[in-house]
Amino acid sequence: MKSLVISVGTDGTATCLHTDALALHEIGRMEVRRASTVEFNTDTQRWEVRWPDRPDVVFSDPSRSVCIAWEVETINQVIALTGRAEA
């Protein structure tokens, strides 16, 4: 992860993507939720990114690392704009 976007709400709640590079658990109690899924589609032979509770594919590529990079960049942008990780 090149950069970590952290949004802190007026109630002190922080929102960010999880990374082991920063000991987030030392800051306080964590609540972790999946912001997206990256799974391989055997029919299309591509990796697919989906948002939780939505069936549509929002991004796909033959490379898992390209999908992960897209996922991180997109979710960081959403956090920076909205303060939330839900796209």
PDB file of N, CA and C in Angstrom:
ATOM      1  N   MET A   1       0.850  -1.167   0.000  1.00  0.00           N
ATOM      2  CA  MET A   1       0.000   0.000   0.000  1.00  0.00           C
ATOM      3  C   MET A   1       0.894   1.227   0.000  1.00  0.00           C
ATOM      4  N   LYS A   2       0.734   2.085  -0.989  1.00  0.00           N
ATOM      5  CA  LYS A   2       1.567   3.274  -1.098  1.00  0.00           C
ATOM      6  C   LYS A   2       1.233   4.302  -0.025  1.00  0.00           C
ATOM      7  N   SER A   3      -0.045   4.528   0.195  1.00  0.00           N
ATOM      8  CA  SER A   3      -0.450   5.499   1.204  1.00  0.00           C
ATOM      9  C   SER A   3      -1.680   4.979   1.934  1.00  0.00           C
ATOM     10  N   LEU A   4      -1.890   5.499   3.099  1.00  0.00           N
ATOM     11  CA  LEU A   4      -3.027   5.107   3.914  1.00  0.00           C
ATOM     12  C   LEU A   4      -3.866   6.341   4.182  1.00  0.00           C
ATOM     13  N   VAL A   5      -5.111   6.308   3.760  1.00  0.00           N
ATOM     14  CA  VAL A   5      -6.038   7.399   4.009  1.00  0.00           C
ATOM     15  C   VAL A   5      -6.814   7.055   5.268  1.00  0.00           C
ATOM     16  N   ILE A   6      -6.771   7.951   6.241  1.00  0.00           N
ATOM     17  CA  ILE A   6      -7.524   7.766   7.483  1.00  0.00           C
ATOM     18  C   ILE A   6      -8.462   8.945   7.635  1.00  0.00           C
ATOM     19  N   SER A   7      -9.743   8.665   7.796  1.00  0.00           N
ATOM     20  CA  SER A   7     -10.743   9.694   8.037  1.00  0.00           C
ATOM     21  C   SER A   7     -11.180   9.584   9.493  1.00  0.00           C
ATOM     22  N   VAL A   8     -11.131  10.701  10.211  1.00  0.00           N
ATOM     23  CA  VAL A   8     -11.537  10.711  11.611  1.00  0.00           C
ATOM     24  C   VAL A   8     -12.810  11.544  11.739  1.00  0.00           C
ATOM     25  N   GLY A   9     -13.867  10.894  12.223  1.00  0.00           N
ATOM     26  CA  GLY A   9     -15.150  11.564  12.381  1.00  0.00           C
ATOM     27  C   GLY A   9     -15.190  12.443  13.617  1.00  0.00           C
ATOM     28  N   THR A  10     -16.229  13.234  13.737  1.00  0.00           N
ATOM     29  CA  THR A  10     -16.370  14.135  14.885  1.00  0.00           C
ATOM     30  C   THR A  10     -16.497  13.379  16.200  1.00  0.00           C
ATOM     31  N   ASP A  11     -16.900  12.112  16.125  1.00  0.00           N
ATOM     32  CA  ASP A  11     -17.001  11.291  17.340  1.00  0.00           C
ATOM     33  C   ASP A  11     -15.691  10.584  17.667  1.00  0.00           C
ATOM     34  N   GLY A  12     -14.644  10.829  16.850  1.00  0.00           N
ATOM     35  CA  GLY A  12     -13.346  10.220  17.090  1.00  0.00           C
ATOM     36  C   GLY A  12     -13.150   8.884  16.409  1.00  0.00           C
ATOM     37  N   THR A  13     -14.173   8.394  15.709  1.00  0.00           N
ATOM     38  CA  THR A  13     -14.064   7.124  14.999  1.00  0.00           C
ATOM     39  C   THR A  13     -13.221   7.305  13.746  1.00  0.00           C
ATOM     40  N   ALA A  14     -12.244   6.428  13.577  1.00  0.00           N
ATOM     41  CA  ALA A  14     -11.378   6.481  12.400  1.00  0.00           C
ATOM     42  C   ALA A  14     -11.796   5.404  11.406  1.00  0.00           C
ATOM     43  N   THR A  15     -11.731   5.738  10.121  1.00  0.00           N
ATOM     44  CA  THR A  15     -12.037   4.805   9.050  1.00  0.00           C
ATOM     45  C   THR A  15     -10.839   4.742   8.118  1.00  0.00           C
ATOM     46  N   CYS A  16     -10.395   3.521   7.806  1.00  0.00           N
ATOM     47  CA  CYS A  16      -9.287   3.336   6.873  1.00  0.00           C
ATOM     48  C   CYS A  16      -9.263   1.894   6.408  1.00  0.00           C
ATOM     49  N   LEU A  17      -8.455   1.624   5.403  1.00  0.00           N
ATOM     50  CA  LEU A  17      -8.198   0.250   5.006  1.00  0.00           C
ATOM     51  C   LEU A  17      -7.226  -0.346   5.998  1.00  0.00           C
ATOM     52  N   HIS A  18      -7.407  -1.603   6.316  1.00  0.00           N
ATOM     53  CA  HIS A  18      -6.497  -2.248   7.254  1.00  0.00           C
ATOM     54  C   HIS A  18      -5.143  -2.489   6.609  1.00  0.00           C
ATOM     55  N   THR A  19      -4.108  -2.304   7.381  1.00  0.00           N
ATOM     56  CA  THR A  19      -2.762  -2.635   6.950  1.00  0.00           C
ATOM     57  C   THR A  19      -1.970  -3.106   8.161  1.00  0.00           C
ATOM     58  N   ASP A  20      -1.122  -4.090   7.961  1.00  0.00           N
ATOM     59  CA  ASP A  20      -0.259  -4.542   9.041  1.00  0.00           C
ATOM     60  C   ASP A  20       0.930  -3.604   9.222  1.00  0.00           C
ATOM     61  N   ALA A  21       1.106  -2.657   8.298  1.00  0.00           N
ATOM     62  CA  ALA A  21       2.223  -1.718   8.375  1.00  0.00           C
ATOM     63  C   ALA A  21       2.033  -0.710   9.511  1.00  0.00           C
ATOM     64  N   LEU A  22       0.827  -0.567   9.998  1.00  0.00           N
ATOM     65  CA  LEU A  22       0.515   0.357  11.089  1.00  0.00           C
ATOM     66  C   LEU A  22      -0.230  -0.430  12.162  1.00  0.00           C
ATOM     67  N   ALA A  23       0.232  -0.349  13.392  1.00  0.00           N
ATOM     68  CA  ALA A  23      -0.384  -1.113  14.487  1.00  0.00           C
ATOM     69  C   ALA A  23      -1.684  -0.438  14.921  1.00  0.00           C
ATOM     70  N   LEU A  24      -2.700  -0.585  14.111  1.00  0.00           N
ATOM     71  CA  LEU A  24      -3.981   0.077  14.366  1.00  0.00           C
ATOM     72  C   LEU A  24      -4.595  -0.360  15.692  1.00  0.00           C
ATOM     73  N   HIS A  25      -4.368  -1.598  16.101  1.00  0.00           N
ATOM     74  CA  HIS A  25      -4.944  -2.099  17.352  1.00  0.00           C
ATOM     75  C   HIS A  25      -4.383  -1.361  18.569  1.00  0.00           C
ATOM     76  N   GLU A  26      -3.235  -0.730  18.420  1.00  0.00           N
ATOM     77  CA  GLU A  26      -2.658   0.021  19.543  1.00  0.00           C
ATOM     78  C   GLU A  26      -3.344   1.365  19.751  1.00  0.00           C
ATOM     79  N   ILE A  27      -4.044   1.838  18.732  1.00  0.00           N
ATOM     80  CA  ILE A  27      -4.763   3.111  18.837  1.00  0.00           C
ATOM     81  C   ILE A  27      -6.047   2.936  19.636  1.00  0.00           C
ATOM     82  N   GLY A  28      -6.684   1.800  19.494  1.00  0.00           N
ATOM     83  CA  GLY A  28      -7.942   1.545  20.189  1.00  0.00           C
ATOM     84  C   GLY A  28      -8.638   0.328  19.630  1.00  0.00           C
ATOM     85  N   ARG A  29      -9.823   0.096  20.113  1.00  0.00           N
ATOM     86  CA  ARG A  29     -10.615  -1.065  19.700  1.00  0.00           C
ATOM     87  C   ARG A  29     -10.950  -0.966  18.212  1.00  0.00           C
ATOM     88  N   MET A  30     -10.803  -2.083  17.506  1.00  0.00           N
ATOM     89  CA  MET A  30     -11.066  -2.103  16.070  1.00  0.00           C
ATOM     90  C   MET A  30     -12.384  -2.803  15.764  1.00  0.00           C
ATOM     91  N   GLU A  31     -13.042  -2.316  14.735  1.00  0.00           N
ATOM     92  CA  GLU A  31     -14.190  -2.999  14.135  1.00  0.00           C
ATOM     93  C   GLU A  31     -13.831  -3.149  12.668  1.00  0.00           C
ATOM     94  N   VAL A  32     -13.702  -4.375  12.217  1.00  0.00           N
ATOM     95  CA  VAL A  32     -13.237  -4.632  10.858  1.00  0.00           C
ATOM     96  C   VAL A  32     -14.382  -5.203  10.034  1.00  0.00           C
ATOM     97  N   ARG A  33     -14.605  -4.584   8.869  1.00  0.00           N
ATOM     98  CA  ARG A  33     -15.605  -5.067   7.912  1.00  0.00           C
ATOM     99  C   ARG A  33     -14.970  -5.122   6.539  1.00  0.00           C
ATOM    100  N   ARG A  34     -15.375  -6.075   5.763  1.00  0.00           N
ATOM    101  CA  ARG A  34     -14.864  -6.199   4.402  1.00  0.00           C
ATOM    102  C   ARG A  34     -15.450  -5.087   3.544  1.00  0.00           C
ATOM    103  N   ALA A  35     -14.579  -4.348   2.868  1.00  0.00           N
ATOM    104  CA  ALA A  35     -15.030  -3.257   2.004  1.00  0.00           C
ATOM    105  C   ALA A  35     -15.312  -3.742   0.585  1.00  0.00           C
ATOM    106  N   SER A  36     -14.695  -4.860   0.209  1.00  0.00           N
ATOM    107  CA  SER A  36     -14.903  -5.423  -1.121  1.00  0.00           C
ATOM    108  C   SER A  36     -14.419  -6.868  -1.133  1.00  0.00           C
ATOM    109  N   THR A  37     -14.672  -7.539  -2.248  1.00  0.00           N
ATOM    110  CA  THR A  37     -14.136  -8.886  -2.435  1.00  0.00           C
ATOM    111  C   THR A  37     -13.405  -8.927  -3.768  1.00  0.00           C
ATOM    112  N   VAL A  38     -12.330  -9.696  -3.809  1.00  0.00           N
ATOM    113  CA  VAL A  38     -11.599  -9.948  -5.049  1.00  0.00           C
ATOM    114  C   VAL A  38     -11.544 -11.460  -5.202  1.00  0.00           C
ATOM    115  N   GLU A  39     -12.229 -11.958  -6.218  1.00  0.00           N
ATOM    116  CA  GLU A  39     -12.319 -13.400  -6.429  1.00  0.00           C
ATOM    117  C   GLU A  39     -12.070 -13.733  -7.893  1.00  0.00           C
ATOM    118  N   PHE A  40     -11.566 -14.950  -8.129  1.00  0.00           N
ATOM    119  CA  PHE A  40     -11.287 -15.399  -9.485  1.00  0.00           C
ATOM    120  C   PHE A  40     -12.525 -16.025 -10.102  1.00  0.00           C
ATOM    121  N   ASN A  41     -12.809 -15.645 -11.337  1.00  0.00           N
ATOM    122  CA  ASN A  41     -13.933 -16.203 -12.089  1.00  0.00           C
ATOM    123  C   ASN A  41     -13.368 -17.215 -13.080  1.00  0.00           C
ATOM    124  N   THR A  42     -13.664 -18.477 -12.860  1.00  0.00           N
ATOM    125  CA  THR A  42     -13.106 -19.525 -13.734  1.00  0.00           C
ATOM    126  C   THR A  42     -13.667 -19.467 -15.154  1.00  0.00           C
ATOM    127  N   ASP A  43     -14.885 -18.948 -15.313  1.00  0.00           N
ATOM    128  CA  ASP A  43     -15.473 -18.852 -16.649  1.00  0.00           C
ATOM    129  C   ASP A  43     -14.771 -17.797 -17.499  1.00  0.00           C
ATOM    130  N   THR A  44     -14.532 -16.629 -16.920  1.00  0.00           N
ATOM    131  CA  THR A  44     -13.913 -15.532 -17.675  1.00  0.00           C
ATOM    132  C   THR A  44     -12.392 -15.528 -17.571  1.00  0.00           C
ATOM    133  N   GLN A  45     -11.861 -16.306 -16.604  1.00  0.00           N
ATOM    134  CA  GLN A  45     -10.426 -16.359 -16.340  1.00  0.00           C
ATOM    135  C   GLN A  45      -9.879 -14.983 -15.960  1.00  0.00           C
ATOM    136  N   ARG A  46     -10.687 -14.260 -15.175  1.00  0.00           N
ATOM    137  CA  ARG A  46     -10.301 -12.927 -14.708  1.00  0.00           C
ATOM    138  C   ARG A  46     -10.607 -12.812 -13.217  1.00  0.00           C
ATOM    139  N   TRP A  47      -9.859 -11.959 -12.541  1.00  0.00           N
ATOM    140  CA  TRP A  47     -10.146 -11.609 -11.158  1.00  0.00           C
ATOM    141  C   TRP A  47     -11.191 -10.511 -11.171  1.00  0.00           C
ATOM    142  N   GLU A  48     -12.149 -10.581 -10.239  1.00  0.00           N
ATOM    143  CA  GLU A  48     -13.267  -9.633 -10.213  1.00  0.00           C
ATOM    144  C   GLU A  48     -13.381  -8.973  -8.840  1.00  0.00           C
ATOM    145  N   VAL A  49     -13.655  -7.671  -8.866  1.00  0.00           N
ATOM    146  CA  VAL A  49     -13.867  -6.908  -7.634  1.00  0.00           C
ATOM    147  C   VAL A  49     -15.358  -6.598  -7.532  1.00  0.00           C
ATOM    148  N   ARG A  50     -15.897  -6.852  -6.343  1.00  0.00           N
ATOM    149  CA  ARG A  50     -17.305  -6.538  -6.067  1.00  0.00           C
ATOM    150  C   ARG A  50     -17.416  -5.821  -4.736  1.00  0.00           C
ATOM    151  N   TRP A  51     -18.426  -4.973  -4.601  1.00  0.00           N
ATOM    152  CA  TRP A  51     -18.731  -4.347  -3.315  1.00  0.00           C
ATOM    153  C   TRP A  51     -19.650  -5.288  -2.544  1.00  0.00           C
ATOM    154  N   PRO A  52     -19.632  -5.224  -1.228  1.00  0.00           N
ATOM    155  CA  PRO A  52     -20.497  -6.096  -0.420  1.00  0.00           C
ATOM    156  C   PRO A  52     -21.981  -5.916  -0.773  1.00  0.00           C
ATOM    157  N   ASP A  53     -22.693  -7.002  -0.759  1.00  0.00           N
ATOM    158  CA  ASP A  53     -24.144  -7.001  -0.975  1.00  0.00           C
ATOM    159  C   ASP A  53     -24.562  -6.494  -2.353  1.00  0.00           C
ATOM    160  N   ARG A  54     -23.630  -6.464  -3.299  1.00  0.00           N
ATOM    161  CA  ARG A  54     -23.975  -6.072  -4.667  1.00  0.00           C
ATOM    162  C   ARG A  54     -23.436  -7.147  -5.617  1.00  0.00           C
ATOM    163  N   PRO A  55     -24.267  -7.626  -6.533  1.00  0.00           N
ATOM    164  CA  PRO A  55     -23.832  -8.720  -7.406  1.00  0.00           C
ATOM    165  C   PRO A  55     -22.945  -8.279  -8.574  1.00  0.00           C
ATOM    166  N   ASP A  56     -22.987  -6.988  -8.933  1.00  0.00           N
ATOM    167  CA  ASP A  56     -22.267  -6.548 -10.120  1.00  0.00           C
ATOM    168  C   ASP A  56     -20.753  -6.462  -9.906  1.00  0.00           C
ATOM    169  N   VAL A  57     -20.018  -6.763 -10.952  1.00  0.00           N
ATOM    170  CA  VAL A  57     -18.563  -6.648 -10.945  1.00  0.00           C
ATOM    171  C   VAL A  57     -18.220  -5.184 -11.221  1.00  0.00           C
ATOM    172  N   VAL A  58     -17.428  -4.569 -10.345  1.00  0.00           N
ATOM    173  CA  VAL A  58     -17.074  -3.161 -10.533  1.00  0.00           C
ATOM    174  C   VAL A  58     -15.721  -2.989 -11.217  1.00  0.00           C
ATOM    175  N   PHE A  59     -14.906  -4.060 -11.223  1.00  0.00           N
ATOM    176  CA  PHE A  59     -13.619  -4.017 -11.906  1.00  0.00           C
ATOM    177  C   PHE A  59     -13.154  -5.451 -12.095  1.00  0.00           C
ATOM    178  N   SER A  60     -12.462  -5.714 -13.208  1.00  0.00           N
ATOM    179  CA  SER A  60     -11.883  -7.044 -13.404  1.00  0.00           C
ATOM    180  C   SER A  60     -10.609  -6.924 -14.225  1.00  0.00           C
ATOM    181  N   ASP A  61      -9.747  -7.913 -14.057  1.00  0.00           N
ATOM    182  CA  ASP A  61      -8.478  -7.943 -14.769  1.00  0.00           C
ATOM    183  C   ASP A  61      -7.917  -9.359 -14.666  1.00  0.00           C
ATOM    184  N   PRO A  62      -7.099  -9.785 -15.609  1.00  0.00           N
ATOM    185  CA  PRO A  62      -6.468 -11.101 -15.490  1.00  0.00           C
ATOM    186  C   PRO A  62      -5.481 -11.183 -14.323  1.00  0.00           C
ATOM    187  N   SER A  63      -5.021 -10.029 -13.854  1.00  0.00           N
ATOM    188  CA  SER A  63      -4.040  -9.990 -12.773  1.00  0.00           C
ATOM    189  C   SER A  63      -4.700  -9.663 -11.437  1.00  0.00           C
ATOM    190  N   ARG A  64      -4.474 -10.519 -10.446  1.00  0.00           N
ATOM    191  CA  ARG A  64      -5.004 -10.254  -9.111  1.00  0.00           C
ATOM    192  C   ARG A  64      -4.370  -9.003  -8.523  1.00  0.00           C
ATOM    193  N   SER A  65      -3.081  -8.803  -8.725  1.00  0.00           N
ATOM    194  CA  SER A  65      -2.408  -7.640  -8.149  1.00  0.00           C
ATOM    195  C   SER A  65      -2.938  -6.333  -8.739  1.00  0.00           C
ATOM    196  N   VAL A  66      -3.321  -6.336 -10.011  1.00  0.00           N
ATOM    197  CA  VAL A  66      -3.939  -5.145 -10.614  1.00  0.00           C
ATOM    198  C   VAL A  66      -5.287  -4.874  -9.949  1.00  0.00           C
ATOM    199  N   CYS A  67      -6.055  -5.922  -9.698  1.00  0.00           N
ATOM    200  CA  CYS A  67      -7.350  -5.763  -9.024  1.00  0.00           C
ATOM    201  C   CYS A  67      -7.171  -5.239  -7.601  1.00  0.00           C
ATOM    202  N   ILE A  68      -6.187  -5.772  -6.885  1.00  0.00           N
ATOM    203  CA  ILE A  68      -5.936  -5.319  -5.515  1.00  0.00           C
ATOM    204  C   ILE A  68      -5.513  -3.851  -5.513  1.00  0.00           C
ATOM    205  N   ALA A  69      -4.640  -3.474  -6.436  1.00  0.00           N
ATOM    206  CA  ALA A  69      -4.199  -2.073  -6.518  1.00  0.00           C
ATOM    207  C   ALA A  69      -5.380  -1.153  -6.827  1.00  0.00           C
ATOM    208  N   TRP A  70      -6.256  -1.577  -7.754  1.00  0.00           N
ATOM    209  CA  TRP A  70      -7.439  -0.783  -8.084  1.00  0.00           C
ATOM    210  C   TRP A  70      -8.349  -0.662  -6.863  1.00  0.00           C
ATOM    211  N   GLU A  71      -8.541  -1.773  -6.177  1.00  0.00           N
ATOM    212  CA  GLU A  71      -9.391  -1.807  -4.985  1.00  0.00           C
ATOM    213  C   GLU A  71      -8.879  -0.827  -3.927  1.00  0.00           C
ATOM    214  N   VAL A  72      -7.592  -0.876  -3.629  1.00  0.00           N
ATOM    215  CA  VAL A  72      -7.007  -0.006  -2.604  1.00  0.00           C
ATOM    216  C   VAL A  72      -7.132   1.463  -3.009  1.00  0.00           C
ATOM    217  N   GLU A  73      -6.785   1.775  -4.242  1.00  0.00           N
ATOM    218  CA  GLU A  73      -6.861   3.163  -4.716  1.00  0.00           C
ATOM    219  C   GLU A  73      -8.300   3.679  -4.663  1.00  0.00           C
ATOM    220  N   THR A  74      -9.233   2.869  -5.134  1.00  0.00           N
ATOM    221  CA  THR A  74     -10.639   3.285  -5.169  1.00  0.00           C
ATOM    222  C   THR A  74     -11.204   3.475  -3.764  1.00  0.00           C
ATOM    223  N   ILE A  75     -10.944   2.534  -2.878  1.00  0.00           N
ATOM    224  CA  ILE A  75     -11.483   2.650  -1.519  1.00  0.00           C
ATOM    225  C   ILE A  75     -10.828   3.819  -0.785  1.00  0.00           C
ATOM    226  N   ASN A  76      -9.533   4.045  -0.984  1.00  0.00           N
ATOM    227  CA  ASN A  76      -8.886   5.217  -0.382  1.00  0.00           C
ATOM    228  C   ASN A  76      -9.531   6.510  -0.873  1.00  0.00           C
ATOM    229  N   GLN A  77      -9.873   6.582  -2.167  1.00  0.00           N
ATOM    230  CA  GLN A  77     -10.550   7.770  -2.702  1.00  0.00           C
ATOM    231  C   GLN A  77     -11.920   7.958  -2.061  1.00  0.00           C
ATOM    232  N   VAL A  78     -12.650   6.859  -1.895  1.00  0.00           N
ATOM    233  CA  VAL A  78     -13.981   6.941  -1.277  1.00  0.00           C
ATOM    234  C   VAL A  78     -13.852   7.426   0.165  1.00  0.00           C
ATOM    235  N   ILE A  79     -12.889   6.895   0.909  1.00  0.00           N
ATOM    236  CA  ILE A  79     -12.683   7.320   2.300  1.00  0.00           C
ATOM    237  C   ILE A  79     -12.320   8.802   2.341  1.00  0.00           C
ATOM    238  N   ALA A  80     -11.443   9.244   1.438  1.00  0.00           N
ATOM    239  CA  ALA A  80     -11.032  10.640   1.415  1.00  0.00           C
ATOM    240  C   ALA A  80     -12.209  11.570   1.118  1.00  0.00           C
ATOM    241  N   LEU A  81     -13.120  11.120   0.255  1.00  0.00           N
ATOM    242  CA  LEU A  81     -14.255  11.963  -0.136  1.00  0.00           C
ATOM    243  C   LEU A  81     -15.417  11.912   0.846  1.00  0.00           C
ATOM    244  N   THR A  82     -15.670  10.732   1.412  1.00  0.00           N
ATOM    245  CA  THR A  82     -16.893  10.544   2.199  1.00  0.00           C
ATOM    246  C   THR A  82     -16.645  10.266   3.675  1.00  0.00           C
ATOM    247  N   GLY A  83     -15.420   9.851   4.011  1.00  0.00           N
ATOM    248  CA  GLY A  83     -15.145   9.452   5.386  1.00  0.00           C
ATOM    249  C   GLY A  83     -15.617   8.046   5.704  1.00  0.00           C
ATOM    250  N   ARG A  84     -16.107   7.347   4.672  1.00  0.00           N
ATOM    251  CA  ARG A  84     -16.596   5.971   4.852  1.00  0.00           C
ATOM    252  C   ARG A  84     -15.938   5.072   3.839  1.00  0.00           C
ATOM    253  N   ALA A  85     -15.869   3.783   4.118  1.00  0.00           N
ATOM    254  CA  ALA A  85     -15.234   2.838   3.204  1.00  0.00           C
ATOM    255  C   ALA A  85     -16.217   2.215   2.224  1.00  0.00           C
ATOM    256  N   GLU A  86     -17.499   2.494   2.375  1.00  0.00           N
ATOM    257  CA  GLU A  86     -18.501   1.909   1.478  1.00  0.00           C
ATOM    258  C   GLU A  86     -18.566   2.698   0.199  1.00  0.00           C
ATOM    259  N   ALA A  87     -18.419   1.990  -0.919  1.00  0.00           N
ATOM    260  CA  ALA A  87     -18.488   2.660  -2.217  1.00  0.00           C
ATOM    261  C   ALA A  87     -19.898   2.665  -2.736  1.00  0.00           C
TER     262      ALA A  87
END
